[in-house]
N, C-alpha and C. Protein backbone atom coordinates (compact mmCIF):
# COMPACT_ATOMS: atom_id res chain seq x y z
N MET A 1 -253.74 -98.00 -151.40
CA MET A 1 -252.77 -99.03 -151.65
C MET A 1 -253.19 -99.80 -152.90
N GLU A 2 -252.34 -99.82 -153.87
CA GLU A 2 -252.62 -100.49 -155.14
C GLU A 2 -252.54 -102.01 -154.99
N SER A 3 -253.41 -102.70 -155.69
CA SER A 3 -253.41 -104.16 -155.68
C SER A 3 -252.13 -104.70 -156.29
N HIS A 4 -251.64 -105.80 -155.75
CA HIS A 4 -250.45 -106.46 -156.29
C HIS A 4 -250.79 -107.60 -157.24
N ALA A 5 -252.06 -107.95 -157.33
CA ALA A 5 -252.51 -109.03 -158.22
C ALA A 5 -253.63 -108.48 -159.10
N LYS A 6 -253.27 -108.12 -160.33
CA LYS A 6 -254.24 -107.47 -161.21
C LYS A 6 -254.58 -108.34 -162.42
N LEU A 7 -255.78 -108.10 -162.92
CA LEU A 7 -256.29 -108.75 -164.12
C LEU A 7 -256.88 -107.62 -164.99
N LEU A 8 -256.29 -107.40 -166.13
CA LEU A 8 -256.72 -106.33 -167.03
C LEU A 8 -256.76 -104.97 -166.32
N GLY A 9 -255.78 -104.74 -165.46
CA GLY A 9 -255.66 -103.45 -164.79
C GLY A 9 -256.47 -103.27 -163.53
N HIS A 10 -257.24 -104.28 -163.13
CA HIS A 10 -258.06 -104.19 -161.92
C HIS A 10 -257.67 -105.30 -160.94
N PRO A 11 -257.90 -105.06 -159.64
CA PRO A 11 -257.58 -106.10 -158.66
C PRO A 11 -258.30 -107.42 -158.99
N ALA A 12 -257.53 -108.48 -159.14
CA ALA A 12 -258.09 -109.79 -159.53
C ALA A 12 -259.08 -110.30 -158.48
N HIS A 13 -258.76 -110.12 -157.20
CA HIS A 13 -259.63 -110.66 -156.15
C HIS A 13 -261.04 -110.07 -156.23
N THR A 14 -261.13 -108.76 -156.41
CA THR A 14 -262.46 -108.14 -156.45
C THR A 14 -263.23 -108.52 -157.71
N ILE A 15 -262.52 -108.87 -158.78
CA ILE A 15 -263.19 -109.35 -159.99
C ILE A 15 -263.71 -110.77 -159.78
N LEU A 16 -262.86 -111.63 -159.22
CA LEU A 16 -263.18 -113.05 -159.11
C LEU A 16 -264.15 -113.39 -157.99
N ILE A 17 -264.17 -112.61 -156.93
CA ILE A 17 -264.97 -112.98 -155.75
C ILE A 17 -266.47 -112.88 -156.00
N VAL A 18 -266.87 -112.10 -157.00
CA VAL A 18 -268.32 -111.97 -157.24
C VAL A 18 -268.95 -113.30 -157.64
N PHE A 19 -268.19 -114.16 -158.30
CA PHE A 19 -268.76 -115.44 -158.74
C PHE A 19 -269.04 -116.37 -157.56
N PRO A 20 -268.07 -116.69 -156.71
CA PRO A 20 -268.41 -117.57 -155.59
C PRO A 20 -269.43 -116.95 -154.64
N LEU A 21 -269.31 -115.65 -154.40
CA LEU A 21 -270.26 -115.01 -153.51
C LEU A 21 -271.68 -115.11 -154.06
N GLY A 22 -271.84 -114.84 -155.34
CA GLY A 22 -273.16 -114.93 -155.97
C GLY A 22 -273.68 -116.35 -156.01
N LEU A 23 -272.82 -117.30 -156.35
CA LEU A 23 -273.25 -118.70 -156.43
C LEU A 23 -273.66 -119.23 -155.06
N LEU A 24 -272.85 -118.95 -154.05
CA LEU A 24 -273.17 -119.47 -152.71
C LEU A 24 -274.43 -118.81 -152.15
N ALA A 25 -274.58 -117.51 -152.36
CA ALA A 25 -275.79 -116.82 -151.89
C ALA A 25 -277.03 -117.35 -152.61
N THR A 26 -276.91 -117.55 -153.90
CA THR A 26 -278.06 -118.05 -154.66
C THR A 26 -278.39 -119.49 -154.27
N SER A 27 -277.40 -120.26 -153.89
CA SER A 27 -277.68 -121.63 -153.44
C SER A 27 -278.60 -121.61 -152.22
N VAL A 28 -278.41 -120.63 -151.36
CA VAL A 28 -279.25 -120.51 -150.17
C VAL A 28 -280.68 -120.15 -150.57
N ILE A 29 -280.82 -119.31 -151.58
CA ILE A 29 -282.17 -118.98 -152.07
C ILE A 29 -282.85 -120.25 -152.58
N PHE A 30 -282.11 -121.09 -153.32
CA PHE A 30 -282.70 -122.34 -153.80
C PHE A 30 -283.01 -123.29 -152.64
N ASP A 31 -282.20 -123.27 -151.59
CA ASP A 31 -282.52 -124.06 -150.40
C ASP A 31 -283.82 -123.60 -149.77
N VAL A 32 -284.01 -122.30 -149.69
CA VAL A 32 -285.25 -121.75 -149.11
C VAL A 32 -286.45 -122.16 -149.97
N VAL A 33 -286.30 -122.05 -151.29
CA VAL A 33 -287.39 -122.46 -152.19
C VAL A 33 -287.68 -123.95 -151.99
N TYR A 34 -286.61 -124.76 -151.86
CA TYR A 34 -286.78 -126.19 -151.60
C TYR A 34 -287.59 -126.40 -150.30
N LEU A 35 -287.22 -125.68 -149.26
CA LEU A 35 -287.92 -125.84 -147.99
C LEU A 35 -289.38 -125.40 -148.08
N LEU A 36 -289.66 -124.39 -148.87
CA LEU A 36 -291.03 -123.88 -148.98
C LEU A 36 -291.94 -124.77 -149.80
N ASN A 37 -291.39 -125.43 -150.84
CA ASN A 37 -292.29 -126.22 -151.69
C ASN A 37 -291.87 -127.68 -151.85
N ASP A 38 -290.82 -128.11 -151.15
CA ASP A 38 -290.39 -129.51 -151.15
C ASP A 38 -290.13 -130.03 -152.57
N ASN A 39 -289.55 -129.16 -153.42
CA ASN A 39 -289.22 -129.54 -154.78
C ASN A 39 -287.76 -129.99 -154.82
N PRO A 40 -287.49 -131.29 -155.01
CA PRO A 40 -286.11 -131.79 -154.97
C PRO A 40 -285.20 -131.17 -156.02
N THR A 41 -285.76 -130.69 -157.12
CA THR A 41 -284.94 -130.04 -158.14
C THR A 41 -284.24 -128.82 -157.57
N MET A 42 -284.90 -128.10 -156.68
CA MET A 42 -284.31 -126.91 -156.07
C MET A 42 -283.11 -127.30 -155.19
N ALA A 43 -283.20 -128.43 -154.50
CA ALA A 43 -282.08 -128.90 -153.68
C ALA A 43 -280.90 -129.31 -154.56
N VAL A 44 -281.18 -129.92 -155.69
CA VAL A 44 -280.12 -130.32 -156.62
C VAL A 44 -279.42 -129.08 -157.16
N VAL A 45 -280.19 -128.08 -157.55
CA VAL A 45 -279.60 -126.83 -158.05
C VAL A 45 -278.74 -126.19 -156.96
N ALA A 46 -279.24 -126.14 -155.72
CA ALA A 46 -278.48 -125.57 -154.61
C ALA A 46 -277.15 -126.31 -154.43
N PHE A 47 -277.19 -127.64 -154.50
CA PHE A 47 -275.98 -128.45 -154.35
C PHE A 47 -274.92 -128.06 -155.38
N TRP A 48 -275.31 -128.01 -156.66
CA TRP A 48 -274.34 -127.72 -157.72
C TRP A 48 -273.88 -126.27 -157.69
N MET A 49 -274.73 -125.37 -157.24
CA MET A 49 -274.28 -123.99 -157.06
C MET A 49 -273.24 -123.90 -155.95
N GLN A 50 -273.42 -124.69 -154.91
CA GLN A 50 -272.43 -124.70 -153.84
C GLN A 50 -271.10 -125.27 -154.32
N VAL A 51 -271.16 -126.33 -155.08
CA VAL A 51 -269.93 -126.92 -155.62
C VAL A 51 -269.19 -125.88 -156.47
N ALA A 52 -269.91 -125.21 -157.35
CA ALA A 52 -269.30 -124.19 -158.20
C ALA A 52 -268.80 -123.00 -157.38
N GLY A 53 -269.55 -122.59 -156.37
CA GLY A 53 -269.15 -121.48 -155.52
C GLY A 53 -267.90 -121.78 -154.72
N ILE A 54 -267.80 -123.00 -154.22
CA ILE A 54 -266.60 -123.41 -153.48
C ILE A 54 -265.38 -123.39 -154.41
N ALA A 55 -265.54 -123.91 -155.61
CA ALA A 55 -264.44 -123.89 -156.59
C ALA A 55 -264.02 -122.45 -156.88
N GLY A 56 -265.00 -121.58 -157.07
CA GLY A 56 -264.69 -120.17 -157.33
C GLY A 56 -264.00 -119.50 -156.15
N GLY A 57 -264.38 -119.88 -154.94
CA GLY A 57 -263.72 -119.34 -153.75
C GLY A 57 -262.25 -119.74 -153.69
N PHE A 58 -261.97 -120.97 -154.07
CA PHE A 58 -260.58 -121.42 -154.09
C PHE A 58 -259.77 -120.71 -155.18
N ILE A 59 -260.43 -120.29 -156.25
CA ILE A 59 -259.74 -119.54 -157.31
C ILE A 59 -259.48 -118.09 -156.86
N ALA A 60 -260.45 -117.48 -156.19
CA ALA A 60 -260.33 -116.08 -155.78
C ALA A 60 -259.41 -115.87 -154.59
N ALA A 61 -259.34 -116.84 -153.69
CA ALA A 61 -258.62 -116.67 -152.43
C ALA A 61 -257.13 -116.33 -152.59
N PRO A 62 -256.39 -116.99 -153.46
CA PRO A 62 -254.95 -116.65 -153.54
C PRO A 62 -254.70 -115.19 -153.92
N PHE A 63 -255.56 -114.61 -154.73
CA PHE A 63 -255.38 -113.22 -155.13
C PHE A 63 -255.63 -112.27 -153.96
N GLY A 64 -256.60 -112.60 -153.13
CA GLY A 64 -256.82 -111.81 -151.92
C GLY A 64 -255.66 -111.96 -150.96
N THR A 65 -255.10 -113.15 -150.88
CA THR A 65 -253.94 -113.38 -150.00
C THR A 65 -252.74 -112.56 -150.47
N ILE A 66 -252.52 -112.51 -151.77
CA ILE A 66 -251.40 -111.72 -152.32
C ILE A 66 -251.56 -110.25 -151.91
N ASP A 67 -252.77 -109.73 -152.04
CA ASP A 67 -252.99 -108.33 -151.65
C ASP A 67 -252.86 -108.14 -150.14
N TRP A 68 -253.33 -109.10 -149.35
CA TRP A 68 -253.24 -108.97 -147.90
C TRP A 68 -251.78 -108.97 -147.45
N VAL A 69 -250.96 -109.81 -148.03
CA VAL A 69 -249.55 -109.87 -147.66
C VAL A 69 -248.87 -108.52 -147.91
N ALA A 70 -249.31 -107.78 -148.93
CA ALA A 70 -248.71 -106.50 -149.27
C ALA A 70 -249.15 -105.34 -148.37
N ILE A 71 -250.19 -105.55 -147.57
CA ILE A 71 -250.66 -104.49 -146.68
C ILE A 71 -249.62 -104.29 -145.58
N PRO A 72 -249.25 -103.03 -145.30
CA PRO A 72 -248.26 -102.78 -144.25
C PRO A 72 -248.70 -103.33 -142.89
N LYS A 73 -247.72 -103.84 -142.15
CA LYS A 73 -247.98 -104.38 -140.80
C LYS A 73 -248.45 -103.29 -139.86
N ASN A 74 -249.11 -103.72 -138.80
CA ASN A 74 -249.57 -102.84 -137.73
C ASN A 74 -250.52 -101.74 -138.23
N THR A 75 -251.35 -102.09 -139.21
CA THR A 75 -252.36 -101.15 -139.69
C THR A 75 -253.74 -101.76 -139.47
N ARG A 76 -254.72 -100.90 -139.43
CA ARG A 76 -256.10 -101.39 -139.30
C ARG A 76 -256.46 -102.27 -140.50
N ALA A 77 -255.97 -101.88 -141.68
CA ALA A 77 -256.25 -102.66 -142.89
C ALA A 77 -255.72 -104.08 -142.77
N LYS A 78 -254.55 -104.25 -142.17
CA LYS A 78 -253.98 -105.60 -142.01
C LYS A 78 -254.87 -106.44 -141.10
N ARG A 79 -255.36 -105.83 -140.01
CA ARG A 79 -256.22 -106.56 -139.07
C ARG A 79 -257.57 -106.89 -139.71
N VAL A 80 -258.17 -105.91 -140.37
CA VAL A 80 -259.46 -106.14 -141.03
C VAL A 80 -259.30 -107.19 -142.13
N GLY A 81 -258.21 -107.10 -142.88
CA GLY A 81 -257.96 -108.08 -143.95
C GLY A 81 -257.80 -109.49 -143.41
N MET A 82 -257.16 -109.62 -142.25
CA MET A 82 -257.00 -110.94 -141.64
C MET A 82 -258.35 -111.52 -141.23
N ILE A 83 -259.19 -110.71 -140.61
CA ILE A 83 -260.52 -111.18 -140.20
C ILE A 83 -261.35 -111.52 -141.44
N HIS A 84 -261.26 -110.68 -142.47
CA HIS A 84 -261.97 -110.91 -143.73
C HIS A 84 -261.54 -112.25 -144.34
N GLY A 85 -260.23 -112.47 -144.43
CA GLY A 85 -259.72 -113.70 -145.05
C GLY A 85 -260.05 -114.94 -144.24
N LEU A 86 -259.80 -114.89 -142.94
CA LEU A 86 -260.10 -116.06 -142.10
C LEU A 86 -261.60 -116.33 -142.06
N GLY A 87 -262.39 -115.27 -142.03
CA GLY A 87 -263.85 -115.44 -142.07
C GLY A 87 -264.29 -116.12 -143.36
N ASN A 88 -263.66 -115.76 -144.47
CA ASN A 88 -264.02 -116.38 -145.74
C ASN A 88 -263.54 -117.82 -145.83
N VAL A 89 -262.45 -118.16 -145.16
CA VAL A 89 -262.06 -119.56 -145.07
C VAL A 89 -263.15 -120.34 -144.34
N LEU A 90 -263.67 -119.76 -143.27
CA LEU A 90 -264.76 -120.40 -142.52
C LEU A 90 -266.02 -120.51 -143.38
N VAL A 91 -266.31 -119.48 -144.18
CA VAL A 91 -267.46 -119.54 -145.10
C VAL A 91 -267.31 -120.74 -146.02
N LEU A 92 -266.13 -120.88 -146.64
CA LEU A 92 -265.91 -122.02 -147.54
C LEU A 92 -266.04 -123.34 -146.79
N LEU A 93 -265.51 -123.41 -145.58
CA LEU A 93 -265.62 -124.65 -144.80
C LEU A 93 -267.08 -125.00 -144.49
N LEU A 94 -267.88 -123.99 -144.16
CA LEU A 94 -269.30 -124.25 -143.88
C LEU A 94 -270.02 -124.78 -145.13
N PHE A 95 -269.71 -124.21 -146.29
CA PHE A 95 -270.34 -124.70 -147.51
C PHE A 95 -269.80 -126.07 -147.91
N ILE A 96 -268.54 -126.34 -147.61
CA ILE A 96 -267.98 -127.68 -147.86
C ILE A 96 -268.70 -128.69 -146.98
N VAL A 97 -268.94 -128.35 -145.73
CA VAL A 97 -269.70 -129.23 -144.83
C VAL A 97 -271.09 -129.48 -145.42
N SER A 98 -271.71 -128.41 -145.92
CA SER A 98 -273.04 -128.55 -146.51
C SER A 98 -273.01 -129.53 -147.68
N VAL A 99 -272.04 -129.38 -148.56
CA VAL A 99 -271.92 -130.27 -149.72
C VAL A 99 -271.67 -131.71 -149.27
N LEU A 100 -270.79 -131.90 -148.31
CA LEU A 100 -270.48 -133.26 -147.86
C LEU A 100 -271.70 -133.94 -147.24
N PHE A 101 -272.49 -133.20 -146.47
CA PHE A 101 -273.68 -133.78 -145.87
C PHE A 101 -274.77 -134.05 -146.90
N ARG A 102 -274.75 -133.34 -148.00
CA ARG A 102 -275.74 -133.55 -149.07
C ARG A 102 -275.33 -134.67 -150.02
N TRP A 103 -274.06 -135.02 -150.03
CA TRP A 103 -273.48 -135.87 -151.06
C TRP A 103 -274.33 -137.10 -151.40
N ASP A 104 -274.81 -137.80 -150.41
CA ASP A 104 -275.62 -139.00 -150.65
C ASP A 104 -277.12 -138.72 -150.69
N GLU A 105 -277.49 -137.48 -150.42
CA GLU A 105 -278.91 -137.12 -150.38
C GLU A 105 -279.13 -135.77 -151.08
N ILE A 106 -278.63 -135.66 -152.30
CA ILE A 106 -278.67 -134.37 -153.00
C ILE A 106 -280.10 -133.83 -153.11
N GLU A 107 -281.06 -134.71 -153.36
CA GLU A 107 -282.45 -134.26 -153.54
C GLU A 107 -283.19 -134.02 -152.23
N ASN A 108 -282.61 -134.45 -151.13
CA ASN A 108 -283.25 -134.29 -149.82
C ASN A 108 -282.17 -133.99 -148.78
N PRO A 109 -281.63 -132.76 -148.80
CA PRO A 109 -280.51 -132.46 -147.91
C PRO A 109 -280.91 -132.55 -146.43
N PRO A 110 -280.04 -133.13 -145.62
CA PRO A 110 -280.32 -133.20 -144.18
C PRO A 110 -280.25 -131.80 -143.54
N THR A 111 -280.84 -131.68 -142.39
CA THR A 111 -280.92 -130.40 -141.68
C THR A 111 -279.54 -129.80 -141.47
N LEU A 112 -278.55 -130.60 -141.10
CA LEU A 112 -277.21 -130.07 -140.85
C LEU A 112 -276.62 -129.42 -142.11
N ALA A 113 -276.91 -129.97 -143.27
CA ALA A 113 -276.43 -129.37 -144.52
C ALA A 113 -277.05 -127.99 -144.72
N LEU A 114 -278.33 -127.88 -144.43
CA LEU A 114 -279.01 -126.59 -144.58
C LEU A 114 -278.53 -125.58 -143.55
N VAL A 115 -278.35 -126.02 -142.32
CA VAL A 115 -277.85 -125.12 -141.27
C VAL A 115 -276.46 -124.60 -141.64
N ALA A 116 -275.60 -125.47 -142.14
CA ALA A 116 -274.25 -125.06 -142.53
C ALA A 116 -274.29 -124.03 -143.65
N SER A 117 -275.15 -124.24 -144.65
CA SER A 117 -275.21 -123.27 -145.74
C SER A 117 -275.81 -121.95 -145.28
N PHE A 118 -276.80 -121.97 -144.42
CA PHE A 118 -277.38 -120.72 -143.92
C PHE A 118 -276.37 -119.96 -143.06
N ALA A 119 -275.61 -120.69 -142.24
CA ALA A 119 -274.56 -120.05 -141.43
C ALA A 119 -273.46 -119.47 -142.32
N GLY A 120 -273.09 -120.20 -143.35
CA GLY A 120 -272.09 -119.70 -144.30
C GLY A 120 -272.57 -118.43 -144.99
N PHE A 121 -273.84 -118.41 -145.36
CA PHE A 121 -274.44 -117.24 -146.00
C PHE A 121 -274.39 -116.03 -145.06
N ALA A 122 -274.77 -116.22 -143.81
CA ALA A 122 -274.77 -115.12 -142.85
C ALA A 122 -273.35 -114.59 -142.63
N LEU A 123 -272.41 -115.51 -142.46
CA LEU A 123 -271.02 -115.09 -142.27
C LEU A 123 -270.48 -114.39 -143.50
N ALA A 124 -270.85 -114.84 -144.69
CA ALA A 124 -270.40 -114.20 -145.93
C ALA A 124 -270.91 -112.76 -146.02
N GLY A 125 -272.07 -112.50 -145.47
CA GLY A 125 -272.56 -111.12 -145.43
C GLY A 125 -271.63 -110.23 -144.64
N PHE A 126 -271.17 -110.73 -143.50
CA PHE A 126 -270.23 -109.97 -142.66
C PHE A 126 -268.87 -109.84 -143.33
N THR A 127 -268.34 -110.93 -143.86
CA THR A 127 -267.01 -110.85 -144.47
C THR A 127 -267.04 -110.02 -145.76
N GLY A 128 -268.16 -110.04 -146.46
CA GLY A 128 -268.32 -109.18 -147.62
C GLY A 128 -268.30 -107.71 -147.22
N TRP A 129 -268.96 -107.40 -146.11
CA TRP A 129 -268.93 -106.03 -145.60
C TRP A 129 -267.50 -105.64 -145.25
N LEU A 130 -266.74 -106.55 -144.64
CA LEU A 130 -265.34 -106.26 -144.32
C LEU A 130 -264.53 -106.00 -145.59
N GLY A 131 -264.82 -106.76 -146.66
CA GLY A 131 -264.16 -106.52 -147.93
C GLY A 131 -264.46 -105.13 -148.46
N GLY A 132 -265.71 -104.71 -148.31
CA GLY A 132 -266.07 -103.34 -148.69
C GLY A 132 -265.36 -102.32 -147.84
N GLU A 133 -265.20 -102.60 -146.57
CA GLU A 133 -264.47 -101.71 -145.67
C GLU A 133 -263.01 -101.58 -146.13
N LEU A 134 -262.43 -102.69 -146.53
CA LEU A 134 -261.03 -102.66 -147.00
C LEU A 134 -260.88 -101.77 -148.23
N VAL A 135 -261.79 -101.90 -149.19
CA VAL A 135 -261.67 -101.14 -150.43
C VAL A 135 -262.17 -99.71 -150.26
N ASN A 136 -263.39 -99.55 -149.77
CA ASN A 136 -264.03 -98.24 -149.77
C ASN A 136 -263.58 -97.32 -148.65
N ARG A 137 -263.22 -97.87 -147.52
CA ARG A 137 -262.85 -97.03 -146.38
C ARG A 137 -261.34 -96.97 -146.19
N LEU A 138 -260.67 -98.11 -146.43
CA LEU A 138 -259.23 -98.18 -146.17
C LEU A 138 -258.38 -98.09 -147.43
N GLY A 139 -259.02 -98.09 -148.60
CA GLY A 139 -258.31 -97.86 -149.86
C GLY A 139 -257.44 -99.01 -150.33
N VAL A 140 -257.69 -100.21 -149.85
CA VAL A 140 -256.91 -101.37 -150.31
C VAL A 140 -257.38 -101.74 -151.72
N GLY A 141 -256.44 -101.89 -152.63
CA GLY A 141 -256.76 -102.25 -154.00
C GLY A 141 -257.12 -101.06 -154.87
N VAL A 142 -256.91 -99.85 -154.35
CA VAL A 142 -257.24 -98.64 -155.09
C VAL A 142 -255.95 -98.05 -155.66
N ASP A 143 -255.98 -97.69 -156.94
CA ASP A 143 -254.80 -97.10 -157.57
C ASP A 143 -254.46 -95.76 -156.93
N PRO A 144 -253.16 -95.51 -156.74
CA PRO A 144 -252.75 -94.19 -156.23
C PRO A 144 -253.20 -93.11 -157.21
N GLY A 145 -253.74 -92.04 -156.69
CA GLY A 145 -254.17 -90.94 -157.54
C GLY A 145 -255.51 -91.17 -158.21
N ALA A 146 -256.23 -92.22 -157.83
CA ALA A 146 -257.54 -92.49 -158.44
C ALA A 146 -258.44 -91.26 -158.28
N HIS A 147 -259.21 -90.96 -159.32
CA HIS A 147 -260.12 -89.82 -159.29
C HIS A 147 -261.20 -90.02 -160.35
N LEU A 148 -262.15 -89.12 -160.39
CA LEU A 148 -263.32 -89.28 -161.24
C LEU A 148 -263.04 -89.20 -162.74
N ASP A 149 -261.93 -88.61 -163.13
CA ASP A 149 -261.58 -88.50 -164.55
C ASP A 149 -260.32 -89.28 -164.90
N ALA A 150 -259.98 -90.30 -164.11
CA ALA A 150 -258.77 -91.09 -164.36
C ALA A 150 -258.87 -91.79 -165.72
N PRO A 151 -257.73 -91.98 -166.38
CA PRO A 151 -257.75 -92.68 -167.68
C PRO A 151 -258.08 -94.16 -167.51
N ASN A 152 -258.51 -94.78 -168.57
CA ASN A 152 -258.85 -96.20 -168.59
C ASN A 152 -257.69 -97.03 -168.08
N SER A 153 -257.97 -98.06 -167.31
CA SER A 153 -256.92 -98.91 -166.74
C SER A 153 -256.11 -99.64 -167.80
N LEU A 154 -256.65 -99.81 -168.98
CA LEU A 154 -255.93 -100.49 -170.06
C LEU A 154 -255.07 -99.54 -170.89
N SER A 155 -255.14 -98.25 -170.59
CA SER A 155 -254.41 -97.26 -171.37
C SER A 155 -252.91 -97.27 -171.09
N GLY A 156 -252.51 -97.83 -169.96
CA GLY A 156 -251.10 -97.80 -169.58
C GLY A 156 -250.69 -96.50 -168.91
N ARG A 157 -251.63 -95.58 -168.78
CA ARG A 157 -251.34 -94.30 -168.13
C ARG A 157 -251.67 -94.38 -166.64
N ALA A 158 -250.97 -93.62 -165.84
CA ALA A 158 -251.20 -93.58 -164.40
C ALA A 158 -252.57 -92.98 -164.10
N ALA A 159 -253.20 -93.43 -163.04
CA ALA A 159 -254.52 -92.91 -162.66
C ALA A 159 -254.45 -91.42 -162.38
N MET A 160 -253.32 -90.93 -161.92
CA MET A 160 -253.18 -89.50 -161.57
C MET A 160 -253.29 -88.60 -162.80
N GLU A 161 -252.97 -89.11 -163.99
CA GLU A 161 -253.03 -88.28 -165.19
C GLU A 161 -254.45 -87.75 -165.41
N GLY A 162 -254.54 -86.52 -165.84
CA GLY A 162 -255.83 -85.91 -166.11
C GLY A 162 -256.54 -85.40 -164.88
N ARG A 163 -255.87 -85.48 -163.74
CA ARG A 163 -256.50 -85.03 -162.49
C ARG A 163 -256.60 -83.51 -162.47
N ARG A 164 -257.77 -83.04 -162.15
CA ARG A 164 -257.99 -81.60 -162.04
C ARG A 164 -257.73 -81.19 -160.60
N LEU A 165 -256.95 -80.18 -160.43
CA LEU A 165 -256.64 -79.73 -159.06
C LEU A 165 -257.49 -78.60 -158.62
């Protein structure tokens, strides 16, 4: 099933989601470093990475929603996509909770802020796997006729062109 929201010939959601996913995951690494050496700079970095990751999540989400709406009803892909999307809403909410609890104590985040970010990280691992299931197993966001010798997406030619039978 081809993506309905493209950027330079590729599904916009899969392009954009790498930024919030990377920022939020890396924020957890900085939280762990903070916990290991009590360096407040690491907590500040984690805070701002979370803020940027949340913003990126809000940018990426509408494109995933556009693609999810286009998935045919009563399919496994529709169900997996719904769990993926709702799970990612929960991921964003957990990181928003983390940011809100840190707001007045950026250099010394309270335990609840850290627990929320660690839970968000764990859930993002699962929802990321579901995203991979959608693309790699269920073919969501894949051009019809995609193959190993398909022409460049910017060429304007169909992916099926050049296919060896």
